[in-house]
Amino acid sequence: MSLNLVTYFTKSPMSTPIRFFEEEFVPYGKQPASEYAVVKTSREGILRSVADEVSDLVGLTDNEIAYVLGMTPRNLHRIQGEKRLGTDASERLLLLRNVLIHALDTFEGRESVVRHWLRTPIIELNEQSPLQMMDTVTGFGLVDNVLGRLDYGLPA
């Protein structure tokens, strides 16, 4: 949780502004990782057990998680929970977590709506579902852009 310095002015133009700290709202208790944190953590590797935590955010299947991570479900299951994923899989997992947090914020925490949206082909994504697009790093950016447009009420 971060704090922002907020300034409020009283009605009188001659009075001194009142300043205090206001908590910044982070939806649903999750904070997306910054780009630098993604790079640093990806290089170190993410524990395999984190993949289960990320999938539990909206109830993704093992097949969907494995697809996004660029591996087969069988290979994903072979990795023990305390083992670290490689750099590429770690980066994809962190990017997926960020997209899921953004989607939960966009759809007001409704997991079933997020799950349905992730699996539904979208015109803006060339008639592919967001999950299908997230097999590449560029695809994560495109999906996040669609969510950003939805946040601002623009046509996705």
N, C-alpha and C. Protein backbone atom coordinates (compact mmCIF):
# COMPACT_ATOMS: atom_id res chain seq x y z
N MET A 1 0.85 -1.16 0.00
CA MET A 1 0.00 0.00 0.00
C MET A 1 0.90 1.22 0.00
N SER A 2 0.56 2.19 -0.83
CA SER A 2 1.36 3.41 -0.87
C SER A 2 0.52 4.59 -0.42
N LEU A 3 1.22 5.64 -0.04
CA LEU A 3 0.54 6.84 0.41
C LEU A 3 0.85 7.96 -0.56
N ASN A 4 -0.15 8.74 -0.87
CA ASN A 4 0.01 9.90 -1.74
C ASN A 4 -0.25 11.16 -0.93
N LEU A 5 0.54 12.17 -1.19
CA LEU A 5 0.31 13.45 -0.55
C LEU A 5 -0.79 14.15 -1.33
N VAL A 6 -1.87 14.47 -0.65
CA VAL A 6 -3.02 15.09 -1.28
C VAL A 6 -3.19 16.49 -0.72
N THR A 7 -3.46 17.44 -1.59
CA THR A 7 -3.67 18.82 -1.17
C THR A 7 -5.12 19.20 -1.43
N TYR A 8 -5.79 19.71 -0.43
CA TYR A 8 -7.15 20.20 -0.57
C TYR A 8 -7.15 21.68 -0.21
N PHE A 9 -7.84 22.47 -0.99
CA PHE A 9 -7.94 23.90 -0.73
C PHE A 9 -9.26 24.18 -0.04
N THR A 10 -9.20 25.07 0.92
CA THR A 10 -10.43 25.50 1.59
C THR A 10 -11.14 26.49 0.68
N LYS A 11 -12.36 26.87 1.02
CA LYS A 11 -13.16 27.74 0.16
C LYS A 11 -12.59 29.15 0.04
N SER A 12 -11.93 29.62 1.05
CA SER A 12 -11.40 30.96 1.03
C SER A 12 -10.08 30.99 0.24
N PRO A 13 -9.95 31.89 -0.75
CA PRO A 13 -8.73 31.93 -1.55
C PRO A 13 -7.51 32.39 -0.74
N MET A 14 -7.72 33.04 0.36
CA MET A 14 -6.62 33.56 1.17
C MET A 14 -6.10 32.52 2.17
N SER A 15 -6.86 31.44 2.38
CA SER A 15 -6.46 30.47 3.40
C SER A 15 -5.37 29.54 2.87
N THR A 16 -4.69 28.92 3.79
CA THR A 16 -3.61 27.98 3.46
C THR A 16 -4.22 26.63 3.08
N PRO A 17 -3.70 26.01 2.04
CA PRO A 17 -4.23 24.69 1.68
C PRO A 17 -3.96 23.67 2.79
N ILE A 18 -4.86 22.75 2.92
CA ILE A 18 -4.72 21.69 3.91
C ILE A 18 -4.11 20.49 3.19
N ARG A 19 -3.03 19.92 3.79
CA ARG A 19 -2.36 18.78 3.17
C ARG A 19 -2.36 17.61 4.15
N PHE A 20 -2.63 16.45 3.64
CA PHE A 20 -2.54 15.24 4.44
C PHE A 20 -2.29 14.06 3.52
N PHE A 21 -1.97 12.92 4.11
CA PHE A 21 -1.71 11.72 3.33
C PHE A 21 -2.99 10.91 3.18
N GLU A 22 -3.17 10.39 1.99
CA GLU A 22 -4.33 9.57 1.69
C GLU A 22 -3.83 8.23 1.16
N GLU A 23 -4.42 7.15 1.62
CA GLU A 23 -4.01 5.84 1.14
C GLU A 23 -4.47 5.65 -0.29
N GLU A 24 -3.58 5.08 -1.11
CA GLU A 24 -3.92 4.76 -2.49
C GLU A 24 -4.62 3.41 -2.49
N PHE A 25 -5.78 3.32 -3.11
CA PHE A 25 -6.56 2.10 -3.13
C PHE A 25 -5.94 1.10 -4.09
N VAL A 26 -5.66 -0.10 -3.60
CA VAL A 26 -5.20 -1.20 -4.45
C VAL A 26 -6.30 -2.24 -4.45
N PRO A 27 -6.89 -2.48 -5.63
CA PRO A 27 -8.07 -3.34 -5.68
C PRO A 27 -7.77 -4.78 -5.28
N TYR A 28 -8.67 -5.34 -4.47
CA TYR A 28 -8.69 -6.74 -4.12
C TYR A 28 -7.40 -7.22 -3.48
N GLY A 29 -6.66 -6.31 -2.87
CA GLY A 29 -5.50 -6.69 -2.09
C GLY A 29 -4.29 -7.14 -2.89
N LYS A 30 -4.29 -6.93 -4.18
CA LYS A 30 -3.18 -7.37 -5.02
C LYS A 30 -2.55 -6.16 -5.70
N GLN A 31 -1.25 -6.13 -5.72
CA GLN A 31 -0.50 -5.05 -6.36
C GLN A 31 0.23 -5.64 -7.56
N PRO A 32 0.04 -5.10 -8.77
CA PRO A 32 0.79 -5.63 -9.92
C PRO A 32 2.28 -5.35 -9.75
N ALA A 33 3.09 -6.24 -10.26
CA ALA A 33 4.54 -6.07 -10.19
C ALA A 33 4.98 -5.01 -11.20
N SER A 34 5.93 -4.17 -10.82
CA SER A 34 6.46 -3.18 -11.76
C SER A 34 7.29 -3.89 -12.81
N GLU A 35 7.57 -3.19 -13.90
CA GLU A 35 8.35 -3.80 -14.98
C GLU A 35 9.74 -4.20 -14.51
N TYR A 36 10.36 -3.38 -13.65
CA TYR A 36 11.68 -3.71 -13.14
C TYR A 36 11.62 -4.92 -12.21
N ALA A 37 10.56 -5.02 -11.43
CA ALA A 37 10.40 -6.17 -10.55
C ALA A 37 10.21 -7.44 -11.37
N VAL A 38 9.48 -7.34 -12.48
CA VAL A 38 9.29 -8.49 -13.35
C VAL A 38 10.63 -8.98 -13.89
N VAL A 39 11.46 -8.05 -14.36
CA VAL A 39 12.77 -8.42 -14.90
C VAL A 39 13.63 -9.06 -13.83
N LYS A 40 13.72 -8.42 -12.69
CA LYS A 40 14.58 -8.91 -11.60
C LYS A 40 14.12 -10.28 -11.12
N THR A 41 12.84 -10.42 -10.86
CA THR A 41 12.31 -11.67 -10.34
C THR A 41 12.36 -12.78 -11.39
N SER A 42 12.16 -12.44 -12.65
CA SER A 42 12.24 -13.43 -13.72
C SER A 42 13.64 -14.02 -13.80
N ARG A 43 14.63 -13.16 -13.67
CA ARG A 43 16.01 -13.63 -13.72
C ARG A 43 16.33 -14.57 -12.57
N GLU A 44 15.74 -14.32 -11.41
CA GLU A 44 15.96 -15.18 -10.25
C GLU A 44 15.18 -16.48 -10.36
N GLY A 45 14.05 -16.44 -11.05
CA GLY A 45 13.17 -17.60 -11.17
C GLY A 45 12.09 -17.58 -10.11
N ILE A 46 10.92 -17.99 -10.51
CA ILE A 46 9.75 -18.04 -9.62
C ILE A 46 9.54 -19.49 -9.20
N LEU A 47 9.15 -19.69 -7.96
CA LEU A 47 8.85 -21.04 -7.50
C LEU A 47 7.66 -21.61 -8.28
N ARG A 48 7.71 -22.88 -8.56
CA ARG A 48 6.63 -23.55 -9.29
C ARG A 48 5.30 -23.40 -8.55
N SER A 49 5.33 -23.38 -7.24
CA SER A 49 4.10 -23.28 -6.45
C SER A 49 3.36 -21.97 -6.70
N VAL A 50 4.07 -20.94 -7.15
CA VAL A 50 3.43 -19.65 -7.43
C VAL A 50 2.47 -19.78 -8.61
N ALA A 51 2.76 -20.69 -9.53
CA ALA A 51 1.87 -20.91 -10.68
C ALA A 51 0.47 -21.31 -10.20
N ASP A 52 0.41 -22.13 -9.16
CA ASP A 52 -0.89 -22.52 -8.61
C ASP A 52 -1.60 -21.34 -7.98
N GLU A 53 -0.85 -20.48 -7.29
CA GLU A 53 -1.44 -19.29 -6.67
C GLU A 53 -2.00 -18.35 -7.74
N VAL A 54 -1.27 -18.18 -8.84
CA VAL A 54 -1.73 -17.30 -9.92
C VAL A 54 -2.97 -17.89 -10.58
N SER A 55 -2.97 -19.19 -10.82
CA SER A 55 -4.14 -19.81 -11.46
C SER A 55 -5.37 -19.70 -10.56
N ASP A 56 -5.15 -19.71 -9.24
CA ASP A 56 -6.27 -19.61 -8.30
C ASP A 56 -6.89 -18.22 -8.25
N LEU A 57 -6.21 -17.20 -8.79
CA LEU A 57 -6.79 -15.85 -8.79
C LEU A 57 -8.14 -15.83 -9.49
N VAL A 58 -8.26 -16.56 -10.60
CA VAL A 58 -9.53 -16.59 -11.33
C VAL A 58 -9.96 -18.01 -11.70
N GLY A 59 -9.22 -19.01 -11.26
CA GLY A 59 -9.61 -20.39 -11.52
C GLY A 59 -9.21 -20.90 -12.89
N LEU A 60 -8.00 -20.59 -13.32
CA LEU A 60 -7.52 -21.11 -14.61
C LEU A 60 -7.15 -22.58 -14.45
N THR A 61 -7.28 -23.33 -15.53
CA THR A 61 -6.94 -24.75 -15.50
C THR A 61 -5.43 -24.94 -15.65
N ASP A 62 -4.96 -26.14 -15.33
CA ASP A 62 -3.55 -26.46 -15.49
C ASP A 62 -3.13 -26.35 -16.96
N ASN A 63 -4.02 -26.77 -17.86
CA ASN A 63 -3.72 -26.67 -19.30
C ASN A 63 -3.54 -25.21 -19.73
N GLU A 64 -4.38 -24.33 -19.22
CA GLU A 64 -4.28 -22.91 -19.57
C GLU A 64 -2.99 -22.30 -19.02
N ILE A 65 -2.66 -22.62 -17.78
CA ILE A 65 -1.41 -22.10 -17.18
C ILE A 65 -0.22 -22.62 -17.96
N ALA A 66 -0.21 -23.91 -18.28
CA ALA A 66 0.91 -24.49 -19.02
C ALA A 66 1.05 -23.83 -20.38
N TYR A 67 -0.07 -23.58 -21.06
CA TYR A 67 -0.04 -22.93 -22.38
C TYR A 67 0.60 -21.55 -22.29
N VAL A 68 0.18 -20.76 -21.31
CA VAL A 68 0.71 -19.41 -21.14
C VAL A 68 2.21 -19.45 -20.80
N LEU A 69 2.61 -20.45 -20.01
CA LEU A 69 4.02 -20.56 -19.63
C LEU A 69 4.89 -21.15 -20.73
N GLY A 70 4.27 -21.63 -21.79
CA GLY A 70 5.04 -22.18 -22.91
C GLY A 70 5.56 -23.57 -22.65
N MET A 71 4.79 -24.36 -21.93
CA MET A 71 5.20 -25.75 -21.66
C MET A 71 3.97 -26.64 -21.70
N THR A 72 4.21 -27.93 -21.72
CA THR A 72 3.10 -28.88 -21.71
C THR A 72 2.60 -29.05 -20.28
N PRO A 73 1.34 -29.42 -20.12
CA PRO A 73 0.82 -29.67 -18.77
C PRO A 73 1.63 -30.75 -18.04
N ARG A 74 2.08 -31.75 -18.78
CA ARG A 74 2.87 -32.82 -18.17
C ARG A 74 4.18 -32.29 -17.60
N ASN A 75 4.86 -31.43 -18.37
CA ASN A 75 6.11 -30.84 -17.87
C ASN A 75 5.86 -29.94 -16.67
N LEU A 76 4.76 -29.20 -16.70
CA LEU A 76 4.42 -28.34 -15.56
C LEU A 76 4.22 -29.17 -14.30
N HIS A 77 3.54 -30.31 -14.44
CA HIS A 77 3.27 -31.17 -13.28
C HIS A 77 4.54 -31.85 -12.77
N ARG A 78 5.50 -32.06 -13.62
CA ARG A 78 6.76 -32.71 -13.20
C ARG A 78 7.61 -31.82 -12.31
N ILE A 79 7.45 -30.52 -12.44
CA ILE A 79 8.25 -29.58 -11.65
C ILE A 79 7.69 -29.53 -10.23
N GLN A 80 8.54 -29.80 -9.27
CA GLN A 80 8.11 -29.80 -7.88
C GLN A 80 7.88 -28.36 -7.41
N GLY A 81 7.00 -28.20 -6.42
CA GLY A 81 6.60 -26.88 -5.93
C GLY A 81 7.73 -26.00 -5.44
N GLU A 82 8.80 -26.59 -4.90
CA GLU A 82 9.91 -25.78 -4.38
C GLU A 82 10.99 -25.50 -5.42
N LYS A 83 10.82 -26.03 -6.62
CA LYS A 83 11.78 -25.77 -7.71
C LYS A 83 11.42 -24.46 -8.40
N ARG A 84 12.42 -23.82 -8.99
CA ARG A 84 12.22 -22.55 -9.68
C ARG A 84 11.99 -22.78 -11.17
N LEU A 85 11.11 -21.96 -11.73
CA LEU A 85 10.88 -21.98 -13.18
C LEU A 85 12.02 -21.24 -13.86
N GLY A 86 12.19 -21.48 -15.15
CA GLY A 86 13.20 -20.77 -15.93
C GLY A 86 12.83 -19.31 -16.11
N THR A 87 13.74 -18.55 -16.68
CA THR A 87 13.54 -17.10 -16.85
C THR A 87 12.29 -16.79 -17.69
N ASP A 88 12.14 -17.48 -18.83
CA ASP A 88 11.00 -17.19 -19.71
C ASP A 88 9.67 -17.53 -19.04
N ALA A 89 9.59 -18.70 -18.43
CA ALA A 89 8.35 -19.10 -17.76
C ALA A 89 8.06 -18.19 -16.58
N SER A 90 9.10 -17.78 -15.85
CA SER A 90 8.90 -16.87 -14.72
C SER A 90 8.36 -15.53 -15.19
N GLU A 91 8.93 -15.01 -16.28
CA GLU A 91 8.44 -13.73 -16.81
C GLU A 91 6.99 -13.83 -17.24
N ARG A 92 6.65 -14.90 -17.93
CA ARG A 92 5.26 -15.08 -18.38
C ARG A 92 4.30 -15.19 -17.20
N LEU A 93 4.74 -15.88 -16.15
CA LEU A 93 3.89 -16.04 -14.97
C LEU A 93 3.64 -14.70 -14.28
N LEU A 94 4.68 -13.88 -14.18
CA LEU A 94 4.52 -12.55 -13.58
C LEU A 94 3.64 -11.66 -14.45
N LEU A 95 3.81 -11.73 -15.77
CA LEU A 95 2.97 -10.94 -16.66
C LEU A 95 1.52 -11.40 -16.59
N LEU A 96 1.31 -12.71 -16.50
CA LEU A 96 -0.05 -13.25 -16.36
C LEU A 96 -0.67 -12.73 -15.06
N ARG A 97 0.08 -12.75 -13.98
CA ARG A 97 -0.43 -12.25 -12.70
C ARG A 97 -0.84 -10.79 -12.84
N ASN A 98 -0.02 -9.97 -13.49
CA ASN A 98 -0.36 -8.56 -13.68
C ASN A 98 -1.64 -8.40 -14.49
N VAL A 99 -1.77 -9.18 -15.57
CA VAL A 99 -2.98 -9.09 -16.41
C VAL A 99 -4.20 -9.53 -15.61
N LEU A 100 -4.08 -10.59 -14.83
CA LEU A 100 -5.22 -11.06 -14.04
C LEU A 100 -5.64 -10.03 -12.99
N ILE A 101 -4.66 -9.39 -12.36
CA ILE A 101 -4.99 -8.34 -11.39
C ILE A 101 -5.70 -7.18 -12.09
N HIS A 102 -5.20 -6.80 -13.26
CA HIS A 102 -5.84 -5.72 -14.03
C HIS A 102 -7.26 -6.13 -14.42
N ALA A 103 -7.43 -7.37 -14.88
CA ALA A 103 -8.76 -7.85 -15.28
C ALA A 103 -9.72 -7.88 -14.09
N LEU A 104 -9.24 -8.32 -12.94
CA LEU A 104 -10.10 -8.32 -11.75
C LEU A 104 -10.51 -6.91 -11.37
N ASP A 105 -9.61 -5.96 -11.53
CA ASP A 105 -9.94 -4.56 -11.27
C ASP A 105 -10.96 -4.06 -12.28
N THR A 106 -10.74 -4.35 -13.56
CA THR A 106 -11.64 -3.90 -14.63
C THR A 106 -13.04 -4.47 -14.45
N PHE A 107 -13.12 -5.75 -14.10
CA PHE A 107 -14.42 -6.41 -13.97
C PHE A 107 -14.88 -6.51 -12.51
N GLU A 108 -14.38 -5.60 -11.67
CA GLU A 108 -14.82 -5.40 -10.30
C GLU A 108 -14.78 -6.67 -9.45
N GLY A 109 -13.72 -7.46 -9.63
CA GLY A 109 -13.50 -8.63 -8.79
C GLY A 109 -14.33 -9.85 -9.12
N ARG A 110 -15.09 -9.80 -10.20
CA ARG A 110 -15.94 -10.95 -10.56
C ARG A 110 -15.11 -11.98 -11.33
N GLU A 111 -14.68 -13.00 -10.61
CA GLU A 111 -13.79 -14.02 -11.18
C GLU A 111 -14.42 -14.75 -12.36
N SER A 112 -15.70 -15.07 -12.27
CA SER A 112 -16.34 -15.81 -13.36
C SER A 112 -16.39 -14.97 -14.64
N VAL A 113 -16.59 -13.67 -14.49
CA VAL A 113 -16.60 -12.78 -15.66
C VAL A 113 -15.21 -12.71 -16.27
N VAL A 114 -14.19 -12.59 -15.43
CA VAL A 114 -12.80 -12.55 -15.92
C VAL A 114 -12.48 -13.85 -16.65
N ARG A 115 -12.84 -14.97 -16.05
CA ARG A 115 -12.57 -16.28 -16.66
C ARG A 115 -13.24 -16.38 -18.03
N HIS A 116 -14.50 -15.96 -18.11
CA HIS A 116 -15.23 -16.00 -19.39
C HIS A 116 -14.56 -15.06 -20.40
N TRP A 117 -14.19 -13.86 -19.99
CA TRP A 117 -13.55 -12.89 -20.88
C TRP A 117 -12.24 -13.44 -21.41
N LEU A 118 -11.45 -14.07 -20.56
CA LEU A 118 -10.16 -14.62 -20.99
C LEU A 118 -10.30 -15.69 -22.05
N ARG A 119 -11.42 -16.40 -22.05
CA ARG A 119 -11.62 -17.53 -22.96
C ARG A 119 -12.42 -17.18 -24.20
N THR A 120 -12.92 -15.94 -24.29
CA THR A 120 -13.79 -15.54 -25.40
C THR A 120 -13.00 -14.80 -26.47
N PRO A 121 -13.13 -15.22 -27.75
CA PRO A 121 -12.46 -14.47 -28.83
C PRO A 121 -12.97 -13.03 -28.90
N ILE A 122 -12.04 -12.11 -29.15
CA ILE A 122 -12.35 -10.69 -29.18
C ILE A 122 -11.91 -10.12 -30.53
N ILE A 123 -12.76 -9.29 -31.12
CA ILE A 123 -12.46 -8.70 -32.43
C ILE A 123 -11.13 -7.95 -32.39
N GLU A 124 -10.90 -7.19 -31.30
CA GLU A 124 -9.70 -6.37 -31.18
C GLU A 124 -8.42 -7.20 -31.09
N LEU A 125 -8.57 -8.46 -30.76
CA LEU A 125 -7.41 -9.35 -30.69
C LEU A 125 -7.40 -10.31 -31.88
N ASN A 126 -7.92 -9.82 -33.00
CA ASN A 126 -7.92 -10.58 -34.25
C ASN A 126 -8.67 -11.91 -34.10
N GLU A 127 -9.83 -11.82 -33.44
CA GLU A 127 -10.72 -12.97 -33.22
C GLU A 127 -10.05 -14.09 -32.43
N GLN A 128 -9.12 -13.74 -31.55
CA GLN A 128 -8.51 -14.70 -30.65
C GLN A 128 -8.89 -14.34 -29.22
N SER A 129 -8.87 -15.32 -28.36
CA SER A 129 -9.17 -15.04 -26.95
C SER A 129 -7.93 -14.44 -26.29
N PRO A 130 -8.12 -13.69 -25.21
CA PRO A 130 -6.95 -13.17 -24.48
C PRO A 130 -5.96 -14.27 -24.08
N LEU A 131 -6.47 -15.44 -23.67
CA LEU A 131 -5.56 -16.53 -23.31
C LEU A 131 -4.74 -16.99 -24.51
N GLN A 132 -5.34 -17.05 -25.68
CA GLN A 132 -4.60 -17.44 -26.88
C GLN A 132 -3.51 -16.43 -27.20
N MET A 133 -3.76 -15.17 -26.94
CA MET A 133 -2.78 -14.12 -27.25
C MET A 133 -1.60 -14.14 -26.28
N MET A 134 -1.81 -14.67 -25.09
CA MET A 134 -0.77 -14.60 -24.07
C MET A 134 0.25 -15.73 -24.18
N ASP A 135 0.42 -16.27 -25.38
CA ASP A 135 1.51 -17.23 -25.58
C ASP A 135 2.79 -16.50 -26.00
N THR A 136 2.69 -15.17 -26.19
CA THR A 136 3.87 -14.35 -26.48
C THR A 136 3.88 -13.14 -25.55
N VAL A 137 5.04 -12.58 -25.33
CA VAL A 137 5.16 -11.39 -24.47
C VAL A 137 4.40 -10.22 -25.10
N THR A 138 4.46 -10.09 -26.41
CA THR A 138 3.72 -9.04 -27.11
C THR A 138 2.22 -9.20 -26.89
N GLY A 139 1.76 -10.44 -26.87
CA GLY A 139 0.35 -10.72 -26.64
C GLY A 139 -0.12 -10.24 -25.28
N PHE A 140 0.74 -10.36 -24.27
CA PHE A 140 0.37 -9.85 -22.93
C PHE A 140 0.11 -8.35 -23.01
N GLY A 141 0.95 -7.64 -23.74
CA GLY A 141 0.77 -6.19 -23.89
C GLY A 141 -0.52 -5.85 -24.60
N LEU A 142 -0.86 -6.61 -25.65
CA LEU A 142 -2.10 -6.36 -26.38
C LEU A 142 -3.32 -6.60 -25.49
N VAL A 143 -3.28 -7.65 -24.71
CA VAL A 143 -4.40 -7.95 -23.80
C VAL A 143 -4.52 -6.85 -22.75
N ASP A 144 -3.40 -6.41 -22.20
CA ASP A 144 -3.43 -5.34 -21.21
C ASP A 144 -3.96 -4.04 -21.82
N ASN A 145 -3.64 -3.77 -23.09
CA ASN A 145 -4.16 -2.58 -23.77
C ASN A 145 -5.68 -2.64 -23.90
N VAL A 146 -6.22 -3.82 -24.21
CA VAL A 146 -7.68 -3.97 -24.31
C VAL A 146 -8.31 -3.68 -22.95
N LEU A 147 -7.72 -4.20 -21.89
CA LEU A 147 -8.25 -3.92 -20.54
C LEU A 147 -8.19 -2.43 -20.22
N GLY A 148 -7.11 -1.78 -20.62
CA GLY A 148 -6.99 -0.34 -20.40
C GLY A 148 -8.07 0.43 -21.12
N ARG A 149 -8.38 0.02 -22.33
CA ARG A 149 -9.45 0.69 -23.09
C ARG A 149 -10.80 0.47 -22.40
N LEU A 150 -11.04 -0.73 -21.89
CA LEU A 150 -12.28 -1.00 -21.17
C LEU A 150 -12.38 -0.16 -19.90
N ASP A 151 -11.23 0.03 -19.23
CA ASP A 151 -11.22 0.84 -18.01
C ASP A 151 -11.71 2.26 -18.27
N TYR A 152 -11.38 2.79 -19.43
CA TYR A 152 -11.74 4.18 -19.75
C TYR A 152 -12.99 4.29 -20.60
N GLY A 153 -13.69 3.18 -20.77
CA GLY A 153 -14.95 3.21 -21.50
C GLY A 153 -14.79 3.38 -23.00
N LEU A 154 -13.60 3.10 -23.50
CA LEU A 154 -13.36 3.20 -24.94
C LEU A 154 -13.71 1.86 -25.58
N PRO A 155 -14.02 1.90 -26.88
CA PRO A 155 -14.25 0.60 -27.54
C PRO A 155 -12.98 -0.23 -27.44
N ALA A 156 -13.14 -1.45 -27.00
CA ALA A 156 -11.97 -2.31 -26.83
C ALA A 156 -11.41 -2.64 -28.18
